[in-house]
Protein backbone atom coordinates (compact mmCIF):
# COMPACT_ATOMS: atom_id res chain seq x y z
CA MET A 1 82.03 80.66 65.93
CA PRO A 2 83.02 83.57 63.69
CA MET A 3 81.92 84.05 60.18
CA PHE A 4 84.42 83.87 57.34
CA GLY A 5 86.36 86.96 57.39
CA THR A 6 85.42 88.23 60.74
CA THR A 7 86.72 88.15 64.10
CA SER A 8 84.92 87.61 67.37
CA SER A 9 84.88 91.23 68.12
CA ASP A 10 83.12 91.75 64.76
CA ALA A 11 80.60 89.25 65.61
CA ASN A 12 79.49 91.25 68.86
CA ARG A 13 78.89 94.60 66.83
CA SER A 14 75.45 95.82 66.33
CA PRO A 15 73.76 94.72 62.86
CA GLY A 16 73.01 98.31 62.31
CA LEU A 17 76.47 99.30 62.01
CA ALA A 18 77.84 100.00 58.46
CA VAL A 19 81.41 99.27 57.69
CA ALA A 20 82.99 101.61 55.14
CA ARG A 21 85.51 100.30 52.66
CA ILE A 22 87.60 102.85 50.69
CA GLU A 23 88.28 101.79 47.09
CA THR A 24 91.14 102.88 45.30
CA GLY A 25 90.70 104.77 41.85
CA VAL A 26 87.33 106.38 42.86
CA ASP A 27 87.24 109.71 41.37
CA VAL A 28 84.77 112.06 43.25
CA PRO A 29 84.69 115.68 42.55
CA HIS A 30 85.63 118.02 45.39
CA VAL A 31 86.47 115.34 47.90
CA GLU A 32 89.88 115.46 49.03
CA LYS A 33 91.49 111.96 49.06
CA PRO A 34 93.16 111.07 52.25
CA ASP A 35 96.78 110.05 52.46
CA SER A 36 95.75 107.26 55.08
CA PHE A 37 92.60 105.75 56.24
CA ALA A 38 93.12 107.66 59.54
CA ASP A 39 92.71 110.98 57.65
CA ILE A 40 89.23 110.34 56.35
CA ASP A 41 86.01 111.12 58.33
CA PHE A 42 82.55 109.70 57.79
CA TYR A 43 80.98 112.59 56.13
CA SER A 44 83.74 112.04 53.21
CA VAL A 45 82.64 108.42 52.95
CA PHE A 46 79.15 109.43 52.90
CA LEU A 47 79.76 111.84 50.03
CA ILE A 48 81.44 108.86 48.02
CA ARG A 49 78.55 106.66 48.61
CA VAL A 50 75.79 109.09 47.93
CA GLU A 51 77.51 110.36 44.67
CA ARG A 52 77.47 106.56 43.59
CA LEU A 53 73.74 106.17 44.55
CA LEU A 54 72.39 109.52 42.98
CA ARG A 55 74.80 109.29 39.68
CA GLN A 56 72.00 108.10 37.51
CA SER A 57 68.81 109.51 39.42
CA SER A 58 67.33 111.18 42.40
CA ALA A 59 66.50 109.55 45.64
CA THR A 60 63.96 110.36 48.58
CA PRO A 61 65.45 110.64 52.11
CA GLU A 62 63.70 107.02 52.87
CA GLN A 63 65.53 105.55 50.17
CA MET A 64 68.80 106.78 51.04
CA VAL A 65 68.30 105.68 54.55
CA GLU A 66 67.78 102.10 53.26
CA ALA A 67 70.56 102.33 50.71
CA LEU A 68 73.21 104.02 52.93
CA ASP A 69 72.17 102.01 56.13
CA LEU A 70 72.16 105.10 58.11
CA HIS A 71 69.83 106.55 60.86
CA LYS A 72 67.39 109.14 59.57
CA SER A 73 68.46 111.79 61.96
CA GLN A 74 72.45 111.34 60.72
CA LEU A 75 71.36 111.22 57.20
CA SER A 76 69.20 114.40 57.66
CA VAL A 77 72.36 116.24 59.35
CA TRP A 78 74.55 115.25 56.36
CA LEU A 79 71.93 115.90 53.61
CA GLN A 80 71.76 119.63 55.24
CA ARG A 81 75.41 120.06 55.02
CA ALA A 82 76.09 118.64 51.23
CA VAL A 83 73.03 120.96 50.20
CA ALA A 84 74.81 123.89 51.95
CA GLU A 85 78.18 122.82 50.25
CA GLY A 86 76.63 122.88 46.85
CA ARG A 87 77.28 119.08 46.65
CA LEU A 88 73.62 118.14 46.47
CA THR A 89 70.45 119.78 45.12
CA LYS A 90 67.30 119.38 47.32
CA LEU A 91 64.07 118.92 44.83
CA SER A 92 60.35 119.17 46.33
CA LYS A 93 57.21 117.32 45.81
CA PRO A 94 58.39 114.78 46.50
CA VAL A 95 61.48 115.67 48.41
CA ARG A 96 64.44 114.22 46.76
CA TYR A 97 68.01 114.77 46.31
CA VAL A 98 70.20 114.79 43.11
CA TRP A 99 74.05 114.88 43.08
CA ASN A 100 75.43 118.15 41.86
CA PRO A 101 78.23 117.33 39.57
CA LEU A 102 79.80 120.89 39.82
CA GLY A 103 80.22 120.20 43.44
CA SER A 104 80.95 123.58 45.79
CA SER A 105 82.54 125.17 42.91
CA GLN A 106 79.19 127.19 42.21
CA PRO A 107 79.48 130.52 43.84
CA ALA A 108 77.01 131.22 46.77
CA LEU A 109 74.39 133.84 46.11
CA PHE A 110 75.12 135.47 49.47
CA ASN A 111 79.09 135.07 49.44
CA ASP A 112 80.90 137.81 51.55
CA ALA A 113 83.59 138.47 49.19
CA ARG A 114 85.99 141.45 50.60
């Protein structure tokens, strides 16, 4: 019997799958808001959720795996991308990440401006 608010197909899903909900009124710098749900990718949802998680303090990759319900390999790919885009800053000893409120507006050191 399906639980309240689910369908029989929801009951058959893997418990490790995270369902993302897009909330209105979320003001996340440098993340384009889609016109419809079909226009958003999972990386954009990740940025919204990681900004909320790191708004007050830093977090280790292990803490982020737990809080965001992601596989460590997927988290690693998205963390590298977010650092490269300037959205996150990687700290060391211990390794942890902080949200960069300036986003990708910070110029790159080796930007090839022609």
